[in-house]
Amino acid sequence: MVHVTAMSNIIELVFNGIYSMLQVFQKIQRRLDQGLRKNSPQQLEQRLANQYQEYLHTVNTTAGVFRDTIAAKDYDPLAPR
């Protein structure tokens, strides 16, 4: 009977772990869904087009775009991206 109780405890621990992970996933998924519903597909396309134009402007007006180097005068961490 001891083995059945131990197995039951293990099953309960696994179930509780999976249930907790599911709750975390659902909370994150709800926030993602809310964020995606804020903008229409047209708004998202326009935003991406604007960001692409900004990128092209940067590439064409600077010596280059290097991801491993940050120029303090060009970097604004609070700029929406």
PDB file of N, CA and C in Angstrom:
ATOM      1  N   MET A   1       0.819  -1.202   0.000  1.00  0.00           N
ATOM      2  CA  MET A   1       0.000   0.000   0.000  1.00  0.00           C
ATOM      3  C   MET A   1       0.860   1.261   0.000  1.00  0.00           C
ATOM      4  N   VAL A   2       2.057   1.177   0.541  1.00  0.00           N
ATOM      5  CA  VAL A   2       2.952   2.326   0.581  1.00  0.00           C
ATOM      6  C   VAL A   2       3.325   2.761  -0.830  1.00  0.00           C
ATOM      7  N   HIS A   3       3.554   1.818  -1.731  1.00  0.00           N
ATOM      8  CA  HIS A   3       3.929   2.137  -3.103  1.00  0.00           C
ATOM      9  C   HIS A   3       2.808   2.872  -3.828  1.00  0.00           C
ATOM     10  N   VAL A   4       1.579   2.502  -3.562  1.00  0.00           N
ATOM     11  CA  VAL A   4       0.434   3.165  -4.188  1.00  0.00           C
ATOM     12  C   VAL A   4       0.346   4.604  -3.704  1.00  0.00           C
ATOM     13  N   THR A   5       0.572   4.823  -2.420  1.00  0.00           N
ATOM     14  CA  THR A   5       0.525   6.174  -1.873  1.00  0.00           C
ATOM     15  C   THR A   5       1.647   7.025  -2.453  1.00  0.00           C
ATOM     16  N   ALA A   6       2.847   6.470  -2.564  1.00  0.00           N
ATOM     17  CA  ALA A   6       3.972   7.206  -3.139  1.00  0.00           C
ATOM     18  C   ALA A   6       3.683   7.563  -4.593  1.00  0.00           C
ATOM     19  N   MET A   7       3.153   6.618  -5.345  1.00  0.00           N
ATOM     20  CA  MET A   7       2.822   6.870  -6.742  1.00  0.00           C
ATOM     21  C   MET A   7       1.737   7.931  -6.841  1.00  0.00           C
ATOM     22  N   SER A   8       0.774   7.880  -5.975  1.00  0.00           N
ATOM     23  CA  SER A   8      -0.295   8.866  -5.952  1.00  0.00           C
ATOM     24  C   SER A   8       0.271  10.256  -5.669  1.00  0.00           C
ATOM     25  N   ASN A   9       1.222  10.340  -4.751  1.00  0.00           N
ATOM     26  CA  ASN A   9       1.854  11.632  -4.435  1.00  0.00           C
ATOM     27  C   ASN A   9       2.638  12.165  -5.630  1.00  0.00           C
ATOM     28  N   ILE A  10       3.327  11.275  -6.321  1.00  0.00           N
ATOM     29  CA  ILE A  10       4.088  11.691  -7.497  1.00  0.00           C
ATOM     30  C   ILE A  10       3.148  12.200  -8.586  1.00  0.00           C
ATOM     31  N   ILE A  11       2.080  11.485  -8.810  1.00  0.00           N
ATOM     32  CA  ILE A  11       1.100  11.902  -9.820  1.00  0.00           C
ATOM     33  C   ILE A  11       0.512  13.262  -9.453  1.00  0.00           C
ATOM     34  N   GLU A  12       0.212  13.459  -8.192  1.00  0.00           N
ATOM     35  CA  GLU A  12      -0.338  14.737  -7.736  1.00  0.00           C
ATOM     36  C   GLU A  12       0.658  15.869  -7.949  1.00  0.00           C
ATOM     37  N   LEU A  13       1.936  15.629  -7.645  1.00  0.00           N
ATOM     38  CA  LEU A  13       2.962  16.657  -7.854  1.00  0.00           C
ATOM     39  C   LEU A  13       3.109  17.003  -9.330  1.00  0.00           C
ATOM     40  N   VAL A  14       3.114  16.008 -10.186  1.00  0.00           N
ATOM     41  CA  VAL A  14       3.230  16.241 -11.627  1.00  0.00           C
ATOM     42  C   VAL A  14       2.015  17.016 -12.123  1.00  0.00           C
ATOM     43  N   PHE A  15       0.834  16.603 -11.704  1.00  0.00           N
ATOM     44  CA  PHE A  15      -0.387  17.285 -12.125  1.00  0.00           C
ATOM     45  C   PHE A  15      -0.366  18.742 -11.681  1.00  0.00           C
ATOM     46  N   ASN A  16       0.014  18.990 -10.432  1.00  0.00           N
ATOM     47  CA  ASN A  16       0.057  20.365  -9.923  1.00  0.00           C
ATOM     48  C   ASN A  16       1.069  21.205 -10.695  1.00  0.00           C
ATOM     49  N   GLY A  17       2.212  20.597 -11.055  1.00  0.00           N
ATOM     50  CA  GLY A  17       3.208  21.315 -11.840  1.00  0.00           C
ATOM     51  C   GLY A  17       2.691  21.673 -13.215  1.00  0.00           C
ATOM     52  N   ILE A  18       2.052  20.719 -13.871  1.00  0.00           N
ATOM     53  CA  ILE A  18       1.489  20.970 -15.209  1.00  0.00           C
ATOM     54  C   ILE A  18       0.381  22.011 -15.124  1.00  0.00           C
ATOM     55  N   TYR A  19      -0.449  21.911 -14.101  1.00  0.00           N
ATOM     56  CA  TYR A  19      -1.548  22.868 -13.936  1.00  0.00           C
ATOM     57  C   TYR A  19      -0.994  24.272 -13.725  1.00  0.00           C
ATOM     58  N   SER A  20       0.058  24.404 -12.910  1.00  0.00           N
ATOM     59  CA  SER A  20       0.669  25.713 -12.673  1.00  0.00           C
ATOM     60  C   SER A  20       1.254  26.282 -13.957  1.00  0.00           C
ATOM     61  N   MET A  21       1.925  25.426 -14.737  1.00  0.00           N
ATOM     62  CA  MET A  21       2.490  25.885 -16.001  1.00  0.00           C
ATOM     63  C   MET A  21       1.389  26.328 -16.961  1.00  0.00           C
ATOM     64  N   LEU A  22       0.281  25.624 -16.972  1.00  0.00           N
ATOM     65  CA  LEU A  22      -0.840  25.980 -17.831  1.00  0.00           C
ATOM     66  C   LEU A  22      -1.419  27.333 -17.428  1.00  0.00           C
ATOM     67  N   GLN A  23      -1.518  27.589 -16.145  1.00  0.00           N
ATOM     68  CA  GLN A  23      -2.036  28.876 -15.676  1.00  0.00           C
ATOM     69  C   GLN A  23      -1.120  30.012 -16.124  1.00  0.00           C
ATOM     70  N   VAL A  24       0.193  29.810 -16.025  1.00  0.00           N
ATOM     71  CA  VAL A  24       1.147  30.830 -16.458  1.00  0.00           C
ATOM     72  C   VAL A  24       1.008  31.051 -17.965  1.00  0.00           C
ATOM     73  N   PHE A  25       0.949  29.977 -18.730  1.00  0.00           N
ATOM     74  CA  PHE A  25       0.796  30.082 -20.179  1.00  0.00           C
ATOM     75  C   PHE A  25      -0.463  30.860 -20.537  1.00  0.00           C
ATOM     76  N   GLN A  26      -1.582  30.524 -19.893  1.00  0.00           N
ATOM     77  CA  GLN A  26      -2.850  31.191 -20.212  1.00  0.00           C
ATOM     78  C   GLN A  26      -2.791  32.679 -19.883  1.00  0.00           C
ATOM     79  N   LYS A  27      -2.136  33.034 -18.798  1.00  0.00           N
ATOM     80  CA  LYS A  27      -2.017  34.451 -18.426  1.00  0.00           C
ATOM     81  C   LYS A  27      -1.199  35.205 -19.479  1.00  0.00           C
ATOM     82  N   ILE A  28      -0.092  34.616 -19.899  1.00  0.00           N
ATOM     83  CA  ILE A  28       0.733  35.246 -20.933  1.00  0.00           C
ATOM     84  C   ILE A  28      -0.024  35.314 -22.249  1.00  0.00           C
ATOM     85  N   GLN A  29      -0.720  34.247 -22.607  1.00  0.00           N
ATOM     86  CA  GLN A  29      -1.474  34.207 -23.860  1.00  0.00           C
ATOM     87  C   GLN A  29      -2.560  35.277 -23.887  1.00  0.00           C
ATOM     88  N   ARG A  30      -3.253  35.482 -22.763  1.00  0.00           N
ATOM     89  CA  ARG A  30      -4.293  36.525 -22.694  1.00  0.00           C
ATOM     90  C   ARG A  30      -3.693  37.903 -22.948  1.00  0.00           C
ATOM     91  N   ARG A  31      -2.528  38.174 -22.348  1.00  0.00           N
ATOM     92  CA  ARG A  31      -1.892  39.481 -22.549  1.00  0.00           C
ATOM     93  C   ARG A  31      -1.458  39.659 -24.003  1.00  0.00           C
ATOM     94  N   LEU A  32      -0.937  38.609 -24.603  1.00  0.00           N
ATOM     95  CA  LEU A  32      -0.556  38.692 -26.017  1.00  0.00           C
ATOM     96  C   LEU A  32      -1.778  38.941 -26.894  1.00  0.00           C
ATOM     97  N   ASP A  33      -2.853  38.219 -26.635  1.00  0.00           N
ATOM     98  CA  ASP A  33      -4.084  38.396 -27.409  1.00  0.00           C
ATOM     99  C   ASP A  33      -4.608  39.825 -27.289  1.00  0.00           C
ATOM    100  N   GLN A  34      -4.585  40.375 -26.084  1.00  0.00           N
ATOM    101  CA  GLN A  34      -5.054  41.745 -25.872  1.00  0.00           C
ATOM    102  C   GLN A  34      -4.190  42.729 -26.660  1.00  0.00           C
ATOM    103  N   GLY A  35      -2.881  42.515 -26.630  1.00  0.00           N
ATOM    104  CA  GLY A  35      -1.978  43.404 -27.357  1.00  0.00           C
ATOM    105  C   GLY A  35      -2.181  43.321 -28.858  1.00  0.00           C
ATOM    106  N   LEU A  36      -2.427  42.132 -29.362  1.00  0.00           N
ATOM    107  CA  LEU A  36      -2.634  41.971 -30.797  1.00  0.00           C
ATOM    108  C   LEU A  36      -3.966  42.555 -31.253  1.00  0.00           C
ATOM    109  N   ARG A  37      -4.957  42.531 -30.409  1.00  0.00           N
ATOM    110  CA  ARG A  37      -6.277  43.060 -30.786  1.00  0.00           C
ATOM    111  C   ARG A  37      -6.312  44.581 -30.814  1.00  0.00           C
ATOM    112  N   LYS A  38      -5.320  45.239 -30.221  1.00  0.00           N
ATOM    113  CA  LYS A  38      -5.317  46.709 -30.169  1.00  0.00           C
ATOM    114  C   LYS A  38      -5.179  47.334 -31.547  1.00  0.00           C
ATOM    115  N   ASN A  39      -4.476  46.657 -32.447  1.00  0.00           N
ATOM    116  CA  ASN A  39      -4.215  47.214 -33.770  1.00  0.00           C
ATOM    117  C   ASN A  39      -4.813  46.332 -34.857  1.00  0.00           C
ATOM    118  N   SER A  40      -5.300  46.991 -35.892  1.00  0.00           N
ATOM    119  CA  SER A  40      -5.822  46.246 -37.042  1.00  0.00           C
ATOM    120  C   SER A  40      -4.634  45.771 -37.882  1.00  0.00           C
ATOM    121  N   PRO A  41      -4.854  44.814 -38.754  1.00  0.00           N
ATOM    122  CA  PRO A  41      -3.764  44.376 -39.645  1.00  0.00           C
ATOM    123  C   PRO A  41      -3.194  45.534 -40.477  1.00  0.00           C
ATOM    124  N   GLN A  42      -4.040  46.466 -40.881  1.00  0.00           N
ATOM    125  CA  GLN A  42      -3.574  47.620 -41.658  1.00  0.00           C
ATOM    126  C   GLN A  42      -2.651  48.498 -40.815  1.00  0.00           C
ATOM    127  N   GLN A  43      -2.997  48.680 -39.538  1.00  0.00           N
ATOM    128  CA  GLN A  43      -2.149  49.483 -38.651  1.00  0.00           C
ATOM    129  C   GLN A  43      -0.796  48.803 -38.453  1.00  0.00           C
ATOM    130  N   LEU A  44      -0.810  47.490 -38.294  1.00  0.00           N
ATOM    131  CA  LEU A  44       0.440  46.764 -38.127  1.00  0.00           C
ATOM    132  C   LEU A  44       1.303  46.855 -39.387  1.00  0.00           C
ATOM    133  N   GLU A  45       0.681  46.730 -40.552  1.00  0.00           N
ATOM    134  CA  GLU A  45       1.424  46.860 -41.807  1.00  0.00           C
ATOM    135  C   GLU A  45       2.037  48.245 -41.939  1.00  0.00           C
ATOM    136  N   GLN A  46       1.279  49.270 -41.569  1.00  0.00           N
ATOM    137  CA  GLN A  46       1.785  50.643 -41.651  1.00  0.00           C
ATOM    138  C   GLN A  46       2.948  50.843 -40.686  1.00  0.00           C
ATOM    139  N   ARG A  47       2.832  50.292 -39.496  1.00  0.00           N
ATOM    140  CA  ARG A  47       3.906  50.409 -38.502  1.00  0.00           C
ATOM    141  C   ARG A  47       5.181  49.730 -39.005  1.00  0.00           C
ATOM    142  N   LEU A  48       5.038  48.537 -39.564  1.00  0.00           N
ATOM    143  CA  LEU A  48       6.211  47.840 -40.100  1.00  0.00           C
ATOM    144  C   LEU A  48       6.817  48.600 -41.278  1.00  0.00           C
ATOM    145  N   ALA A  49       5.970  49.163 -42.131  1.00  0.00           N
ATOM    146  CA  ALA A  49       6.467  49.938 -43.267  1.00  0.00           C
ATOM    147  C   ALA A  49       7.241  51.161 -42.783  1.00  0.00           C
ATOM    148  N   ASN A  50       6.719  51.836 -41.763  1.00  0.00           N
ATOM    149  CA  ASN A  50       7.417  52.998 -41.206  1.00  0.00           C
ATOM    150  C   ASN A  50       8.758  52.601 -40.600  1.00  0.00           C
ATOM    151  N   GLN A  51       8.778  51.495 -39.872  1.00  0.00           N
ATOM    152  CA  GLN A  51      10.032  51.043 -39.277  1.00  0.00           C
ATOM    153  C   GLN A  51      11.043  50.666 -40.351  1.00  0.00           C
ATOM    154  N   TYR A  52      10.575  50.063 -41.420  1.00  0.00           N
ATOM    155  CA  TYR A  52      11.469  49.709 -42.521  1.00  0.00           C
ATOM    156  C   TYR A  52      12.037  50.966 -43.182  1.00  0.00           C
ATOM    157  N   GLN A  53      11.196  51.980 -43.369  1.00  0.00           N
ATOM    158  CA  GLN A  53      11.669  53.238 -43.947  1.00  0.00           C
ATOM    159  C   GLN A  53      12.704  53.898 -43.038  1.00  0.00           C
ATOM    160  N   GLU A  54      12.474  53.850 -41.727  1.00  0.00           N
ATOM    161  CA  GLU A  54      13.459  54.392 -40.774  1.00  0.00           C
ATOM    162  C   GLU A  54      14.780  53.640 -40.891  1.00  0.00           C
ATOM    163  N   TYR A  55      14.705  52.332 -41.020  1.00  0.00           N
ATOM    164  CA  TYR A  55      15.901  51.517 -41.164  1.00  0.00           C
ATOM    165  C   TYR A  55      16.651  51.897 -42.449  1.00  0.00           C
ATOM    166  N   LEU A  56      15.915  51.998 -43.561  1.00  0.00           N
ATOM    167  CA  LEU A  56      16.555  52.372 -44.826  1.00  0.00           C
ATOM    168  C   LEU A  56      17.204  53.747 -44.721  1.00  0.00           C
ATOM    169  N   HIS A  57      16.528  54.679 -44.085  1.00  0.00           N
ATOM    170  CA  HIS A  57      17.086  56.015 -43.901  1.00  0.00           C
ATOM    171  C   HIS A  57      18.384  55.942 -43.096  1.00  0.00           C
ATOM    172  N   THR A  58      18.382  55.159 -42.032  1.00  0.00           N
ATOM    173  CA  THR A  58      19.572  55.022 -41.199  1.00  0.00           C
ATOM    174  C   THR A  58      20.719  54.399 -41.972  1.00  0.00           C
ATOM    175  N   VAL A  59      20.422  53.344 -42.710  1.00  0.00           N
ATOM    176  CA  VAL A  59      21.458  52.667 -43.496  1.00  0.00           C
ATOM    177  C   VAL A  59      22.037  53.603 -44.551  1.00  0.00           C
ATOM    178  N   ASN A  60      21.186  54.409 -45.170  1.00  0.00           N
ATOM    179  CA  ASN A  60      21.632  55.283 -46.252  1.00  0.00           C
ATOM    180  C   ASN A  60      22.307  56.555 -45.770  1.00  0.00           C
ATOM    181  N   THR A  61      22.127  56.929 -44.511  1.00  0.00           N
ATOM    182  CA  THR A  61      22.691  58.195 -44.032  1.00  0.00           C
ATOM    183  C   THR A  61      23.815  58.008 -43.019  1.00  0.00           C
ATOM    184  N   THR A  62      24.153  56.797 -42.672  1.00  0.00           N
ATOM    185  CA  THR A  62      25.260  56.554 -41.749  1.00  0.00           C
ATOM    186  C   THR A  62      26.281  55.658 -42.422  1.00  0.00           C
ATOM    187  N   ALA A  63      27.415  55.487 -41.748  1.00  0.00           N
ATOM    188  CA  ALA A  63      28.485  54.652 -42.300  1.00  0.00           C
ATOM    189  C   ALA A  63      28.081  53.189 -42.344  1.00  0.00           C
ATOM    190  N   GLY A  64      27.087  52.827 -41.575  1.00  0.00           N
ATOM    191  CA  GLY A  64      26.641  51.443 -41.564  1.00  0.00           C
ATOM    192  C   GLY A  64      25.833  51.159 -40.319  1.00  0.00           C
ATOM    193  N   VAL A  65      25.239  50.015 -40.308  1.00  0.00           N
ATOM    194  CA  VAL A  65      24.446  49.602 -39.168  1.00  0.00           C
ATOM    195  C   VAL A  65      25.110  48.358 -38.594  1.00  0.00           C
ATOM    196  N   PHE A  66      25.619  48.500 -37.387  1.00  0.00           N
ATOM    197  CA  PHE A  66      26.289  47.395 -36.731  1.00  0.00           C
ATOM    198  C   PHE A  66      25.546  47.079 -35.453  1.00  0.00           C
ATOM    199  N   ARG A  67      25.145  45.849 -35.314  1.00  0.00           N
ATOM    200  CA  ARG A  67      24.343  45.452 -34.156  1.00  0.00           C
ATOM    201  C   ARG A  67      25.183  45.324 -32.892  1.00  0.00           C
ATOM    202  N   ASP A  68      26.496  45.194 -33.021  1.00  0.00           N
ATOM    203  CA  ASP A  68      27.327  45.006 -31.839  1.00  0.00           C
ATOM    204  C   ASP A  68      27.903  46.315 -31.305  1.00  0.00           C
ATOM    205  N   THR A  69      27.641  47.421 -31.988  1.00  0.00           N
ATOM    206  CA  THR A  69      28.154  48.711 -31.573  1.00  0.00           C
ATOM    207  C   THR A  69      26.986  49.672 -31.372  1.00  0.00           C
ATOM    208  N   ILE A  70      27.007  50.404 -30.260  1.00  0.00           N
ATOM    209  CA  ILE A  70      25.927  51.354 -29.973  1.00  0.00           C
ATOM    210  C   ILE A  70      26.522  52.754 -29.881  1.00  0.00           C
ATOM    211  N   ALA A  71      26.057  53.645 -30.730  1.00  0.00           N
ATOM    212  CA  ALA A  71      26.459  55.049 -30.665  1.00  0.00           C
ATOM    213  C   ALA A  71      25.470  55.770 -29.760  1.00  0.00           C
ATOM    214  N   ALA A  72      25.961  56.339 -28.680  1.00  0.00           N
ATOM    215  CA  ALA A  72      25.093  56.959 -27.674  1.00  0.00           C
ATOM    216  C   ALA A  72      24.231  58.064 -28.274  1.00  0.00           C
ATOM    217  N   LYS A  73      24.774  58.827 -29.225  1.00  0.00           N
ATOM    218  CA  LYS A  73      23.991  59.933 -29.804  1.00  0.00           C
ATOM    219  C   LYS A  73      22.839  59.437 -30.682  1.00  0.00           C
ATOM    220  N   ASP A  74      22.948  58.232 -31.202  1.00  0.00           N
ATOM    221  CA  ASP A  74      21.911  57.678 -32.078  1.00  0.00           C
ATOM    222  C   ASP A  74      20.941  56.759 -31.361  1.00  0.00           C
ATOM    223  N   TYR A  75      21.230  56.449 -30.123  1.00  0.00           N
ATOM    224  CA  TYR A  75      20.437  55.435 -29.425  1.00  0.00           C
ATOM    225  C   TYR A  75      19.488  56.078 -28.418  1.00  0.00           C
ATOM    226  N   ASP A  76      18.213  55.799 -28.571  1.00  0.00           N
ATOM    227  CA  ASP A  76      17.217  56.262 -27.619  1.00  0.00           C
ATOM    228  C   ASP A  76      16.447  55.024 -27.136  1.00  0.00           C
ATOM    229  N   PRO A  77      16.743  54.540 -25.913  1.00  0.00           N
ATOM    230  CA  PRO A  77      16.098  53.321 -25.436  1.00  0.00           C
ATOM    231  C   PRO A  77      14.607  53.482 -25.215  1.00  0.00           C
ATOM    232  N   LEU A  78      14.126  54.714 -25.155  1.00  0.00           N
ATOM    233  CA  LEU A  78      12.707  54.936 -24.913  1.00  0.00           C
ATOM    234  C   LEU A  78      11.906  55.134 -26.198  1.00  0.00           C
ATOM    235  N   ALA A  79      12.581  55.128 -27.332  1.00  0.00           N
ATOM    236  CA  ALA A  79      11.881  55.286 -28.605  1.00  0.00           C
ATOM    237  C   ALA A  79      11.052  54.049 -28.878  1.00  0.00           C
ATOM    238  N   PRO A  80       9.809  54.230 -29.301  1.00  0.00           N
ATOM    239  CA  PRO A  80       8.964  53.051 -29.580  1.00  0.00           C
ATOM    240  C   PRO A  80       9.495  52.273 -30.762  1.00  0.00           C
ATOM    241  N   ARG A  81       9.562  50.974 -30.613  1.00  0.00           N
ATOM    242  CA  ARG A  81      10.037  50.105 -31.686  1.00  0.00           C
ATOM    243  C   ARG A  81       9.097  48.956 -31.830  1.00  0.00           C
TER     244      ARG A  81
END
